[in-house]
Protein backbone atom coordinates (compact mmCIF):
# COMPACT_ATOMS: atom_id res chain seq x y z
CA UNK A 1 -93.48 -18.12 117.27
CA UNK A 2 -91.55 -21.19 116.48
CA UNK A 3 -92.87 -23.56 113.89
CA UNK A 4 -91.81 -27.12 114.28
CA UNK A 5 -92.01 -29.30 111.27
CA UNK A 6 -92.21 -32.97 111.91
CA UNK A 7 -91.11 -35.20 109.13
CA UNK A 8 -92.69 -38.59 109.43
CA UNK A 9 -91.08 -41.34 107.49
CA UNK A 10 -93.37 -44.20 106.77
CA UNK A 11 -91.69 -47.34 105.69
CA UNK A 12 -93.85 -49.74 103.82
CA UNK A 13 -92.50 -53.18 104.22
CA UNK A 14 -93.47 -55.64 101.59
CA UNK A 15 -93.24 -59.14 102.89
CA UNK A 16 -92.82 -61.77 100.26
CA UNK A 17 -94.06 -65.22 101.07
CA UNK A 18 -92.71 -68.14 99.13
CA UNK A 19 -95.11 -70.61 97.66
CA UNK A 20 -96.10 -73.72 99.53
CA UNK A 21 -95.90 -77.14 97.89
CA UNK A 22 -97.21 -80.35 99.42
CA UNK A 23 -95.63 -83.72 98.69
CA UNK A 24 -97.63 -85.70 96.13
CA UNK A 25 -97.16 -87.83 93.03
CA UNK A 26 -96.29 -84.81 90.91
CA UNK A 27 -93.56 -83.02 88.99
CA UNK A 28 -92.66 -79.52 90.19
CA UNK A 29 -90.76 -76.96 88.10
CA UNK A 30 -89.99 -74.13 90.48
CA UNK A 31 -87.01 -72.49 92.18
CA UNK A 32 -88.52 -70.80 95.20
CA UNK A 33 -90.96 -72.54 97.52
CA UNK A 34 -91.34 -74.35 100.81
CA UNK A 35 -91.93 -78.09 100.61
CA UNK A 36 -94.16 -79.78 103.21
CA UNK A 37 -95.49 -83.18 104.12
CA UNK A 38 -99.23 -83.72 103.72
CA UNK A 39 -99.86 -82.07 107.09
CA UNK A 40 -98.93 -78.76 105.47
CA UNK A 41 -97.98 -75.53 107.20
CA UNK A 42 -99.90 -76.46 110.34
CA UNK A 43 -97.21 -79.07 111.07
CA UNK A 44 -99.82 -81.67 111.94
CA UNK A 45 -97.66 -84.29 110.23
CA UNK A 46 -98.26 -86.86 107.51
CA UNK A 47 -100.53 -89.88 107.76
CA UNK A 48 -99.91 -93.61 107.78
CA UNK A 49 -99.59 -95.75 104.63
CA UNK A 50 -98.41 -92.99 102.30
CA UNK A 51 -96.35 -93.56 99.16
CA UNK A 52 -95.40 -90.48 97.12
CA UNK A 53 -92.82 -89.75 94.44
CA UNK A 54 -92.16 -86.07 93.74
CA UNK A 55 -89.68 -84.77 91.15
CA UNK A 56 -88.48 -81.20 91.65
CA UNK A 57 -86.73 -79.46 88.75
CA UNK A 58 -85.38 -75.93 88.25
CA UNK A 59 -87.42 -73.54 86.14
CA UNK A 60 -84.31 -72.04 84.51
CA UNK A 61 -81.48 -73.47 82.44
CA UNK A 62 -78.12 -74.41 84.00
CA UNK A 63 -79.54 -74.42 87.52
CA UNK A 64 -79.71 -77.14 90.16
CA UNK A 65 -82.17 -77.82 92.97
CA UNK A 66 -81.01 -77.18 96.55
CA UNK A 67 -83.19 -78.41 99.43
CA UNK A 68 -82.50 -77.25 102.99
CA UNK A 69 -84.46 -79.35 105.48
CA UNK A 70 -85.62 -77.26 108.42
CA UNK A 71 -87.60 -80.06 110.03
CA UNK A 72 -87.19 -83.76 109.40
CA UNK A 73 -88.57 -86.16 111.97
CA UNK A 74 -89.89 -89.43 110.56
CA UNK A 75 -91.72 -92.12 112.44
CA UNK A 76 -90.19 -95.55 112.88
CA UNK A 77 -90.44 -97.51 109.64
CA UNK A 78 -90.87 -94.41 107.43
CA UNK A 79 -88.27 -93.50 104.79
CA UNK A 80 -87.31 -90.69 102.41
CA UNK A 81 -85.19 -91.59 99.37
CA UNK A 82 -83.55 -88.82 97.35
CA UNK A 83 -82.35 -89.44 93.79
CA UNK A 84 -79.92 -87.24 91.86
CA UNK A 85 -82.06 -86.74 88.76
CA UNK A 86 -85.55 -86.56 87.32
CA UNK A 87 -86.70 -90.09 88.25
CA UNK A 88 -86.06 -92.95 90.64
CA UNK A 89 -83.82 -94.45 87.91
CA UNK A 90 -81.24 -91.75 88.73
CA UNK A 91 -78.38 -92.39 91.19
CA UNK A 92 -79.57 -92.70 94.78
CA UNK A 93 -78.13 -89.99 97.01
CA UNK A 94 -79.38 -91.70 100.14
CA UNK A 95 -82.19 -93.29 102.12
CA UNK A 96 -83.06 -91.24 105.19
CA UNK A 97 -84.92 -92.16 108.37
CA UNK A 98 -85.64 -90.67 111.79
CA UNK A 99 -84.01 -87.19 111.89
CA UNK A 100 -81.25 -87.91 109.33
CA UNK A 101 -82.00 -84.81 107.22
CA UNK A 102 -82.75 -82.37 110.03
CA UNK A 103 -80.87 -79.10 109.23
CA UNK A 104 -79.17 -80.81 106.26
CA UNK A 105 -78.94 -79.44 102.70
CA UNK A 106 -79.32 -81.77 99.70
CA UNK A 107 -77.98 -80.71 96.30
CA UNK A 108 -78.41 -81.88 92.74
CA UNK A 109 -74.84 -82.75 91.76
CA UNK A 110 -72.67 -81.29 89.01
CA UNK A 111 -72.95 -84.66 87.23
CA UNK A 112 -76.74 -84.34 87.05
CA UNK A 113 -77.60 -82.63 83.73
CA UNK A 114 -81.28 -82.19 84.68
CA UNK A 115 -80.58 -80.29 87.90
CA UNK A 116 -83.56 -82.16 89.41
CA UNK A 117 -84.02 -84.10 92.62
CA UNK A 118 -86.56 -86.91 92.94
CA UNK A 119 -88.01 -87.78 96.33
CA UNK A 120 -89.69 -91.07 97.19
CA UNK A 121 -91.43 -91.02 100.55
CA UNK A 122 -93.19 -93.92 102.26
CA UNK A 123 -94.83 -94.23 105.67
CA UNK A 124 -95.88 -97.46 107.31
CA UNK A 125 -99.13 -98.25 109.06
CA UNK A 126 -98.12 -96.85 112.43
CA UNK A 127 -96.74 -93.60 113.82
CA UNK A 128 -96.33 -90.43 111.82
CA UNK A 129 -93.88 -87.57 111.53
CA UNK A 130 -93.28 -84.17 110.03
CA UNK A 131 -90.91 -82.63 107.48
CA UNK A 132 -90.45 -79.42 105.55
CA UNK A 133 -87.69 -77.92 103.42
CA UNK A 134 -86.80 -74.73 101.62
CA UNK A 135 -86.27 -75.24 97.89
CA UNK A 136 -83.99 -72.92 95.91
CA UNK A 137 -81.92 -73.10 92.73
CA UNK A 138 -78.20 -72.52 92.37
CA UNK A 139 -75.54 -72.94 89.74
CA UNK A 140 -74.04 -76.38 90.48
CA UNK A 141 -70.47 -76.40 91.74
CA UNK A 142 -67.86 -78.92 90.71
CA UNK A 143 -65.15 -80.11 93.06
CA UNK A 144 -61.56 -79.18 92.16
CA UNK A 145 -59.60 -81.90 90.41
CA UNK A 146 -56.39 -82.95 92.14
CA UNK A 147 -53.55 -83.68 89.76
CA UNK A 148 -50.30 -85.56 90.22
CA UNK A 149 -47.71 -86.61 87.66
CA UNK A 150 -45.38 -89.55 88.05
CA UNK A 151 -43.99 -92.29 85.80
CA UNK A 152 -46.66 -94.90 85.23
CA UNK A 153 -46.48 -98.22 87.10
CA UNK A 154 -43.72 -96.88 89.31
CA UNK A 155 -43.40 -97.98 92.93
CA UNK A 156 -41.67 -95.37 95.05
CA UNK A 157 -39.70 -96.87 97.93
CA UNK A 158 -39.07 -94.35 100.67
CA UNK A 159 -36.73 -94.98 103.58
CA UNK A 160 -37.77 -94.01 107.07
CA UNK A 161 -36.84 -90.39 107.75
CA UNK A 162 -36.91 -89.40 104.06
CA UNK A 163 -38.39 -86.00 103.22
CA UNK A 164 -40.45 -85.83 100.03
CA UNK A 165 -41.49 -82.65 98.23
CA UNK A 166 -45.02 -82.42 96.82
CA UNK A 167 -46.35 -80.04 94.17
CA UNK A 168 -50.08 -79.67 93.49
CA UNK A 169 -49.74 -77.23 90.60
CA UNK A 170 -51.42 -79.76 88.32
CA UNK A 171 -54.69 -79.39 90.21
CA UNK A 172 -57.42 -77.22 88.72
CA UNK A 173 -60.84 -75.90 89.76
CA UNK A 174 -63.97 -75.60 87.66
CA UNK A 175 -64.00 -72.65 85.20
CA UNK A 176 -64.45 -69.27 86.84
CA UNK A 177 -63.13 -70.37 90.26
CA UNK A 178 -59.77 -70.53 91.98
CA UNK A 179 -58.36 -72.99 94.51
CA UNK A 180 -58.14 -71.29 97.91
CA UNK A 181 -56.15 -73.85 99.83
CA UNK A 182 -54.83 -77.40 99.66
CA UNK A 183 -55.35 -80.24 102.10
CA UNK A 184 -52.68 -82.94 101.95
CA UNK A 185 -53.13 -86.53 103.15
CA UNK A 186 -49.78 -88.30 103.17
CA UNK A 187 -51.12 -91.80 103.73
CA UNK A 188 -49.28 -92.36 107.01
CA UNK A 189 -52.03 -91.02 109.28
CA UNK A 190 -50.72 -87.47 109.00
CA UNK A 191 -52.38 -84.55 107.23
CA UNK A 192 -51.60 -80.96 106.44
CA UNK A 193 -54.54 -78.58 106.19
CA UNK A 194 -54.77 -74.99 104.91
CA UNK A 195 -51.57 -75.57 102.97
CA UNK A 196 -50.28 -74.05 99.76
CA UNK A 197 -49.63 -75.51 96.32
CA UNK A 198 -46.33 -77.04 97.41
CA UNK A 199 -45.33 -78.75 100.63
CA UNK A 200 -42.94 -81.35 101.98
CA UNK A 201 -43.33 -84.22 104.39
CA UNK A 202 -40.92 -86.43 106.29
CA UNK A 203 -42.00 -90.04 106.52
CA UNK A 204 -40.97 -91.12 110.01
CA UNK A 205 -43.42 -94.01 110.32
CA UNK A 206 -42.44 -97.44 109.07
């Protein structure tokens, strides 16, 4: 008699749902949620004559808000302003209409010490639309700094056909990162991409 032993593996999948936040005149301190218009998760859309200012800040130090807009379709005359800080007094990142932010990610910049983004949304008396975004937090990233050294107030006169050597060794990234590649723009409508620290270019244009 043969005994067959069946081993049944039962996988218990735990599905984690992020929180849902609805636009309102409120301050939010959170790093993991989905942001909706007043129509909520049912995607019924916002109403006419709305005016909301929402400030979203990270709930941990040295973090920055990152918003990825999955849906962004505003009615004619409706606008979304995004400010790089914790109020509408912060620098304006942009004013967005129609589907401007659809599948776009907005970041709090490295120059923003709060890590917050402030949104000011208004809708007019006609039409409506729908928007939602994923909100996460990341460590803000600074752009590399390009460096060049040359005598001050010096005008370099280059004859046609002259080859000039360039060295970008004076450039530096933010701490903890390295520069992967260099992109050179020579100012004569020619570029060199995916280049190294040094390169040369012949100026054939007058």
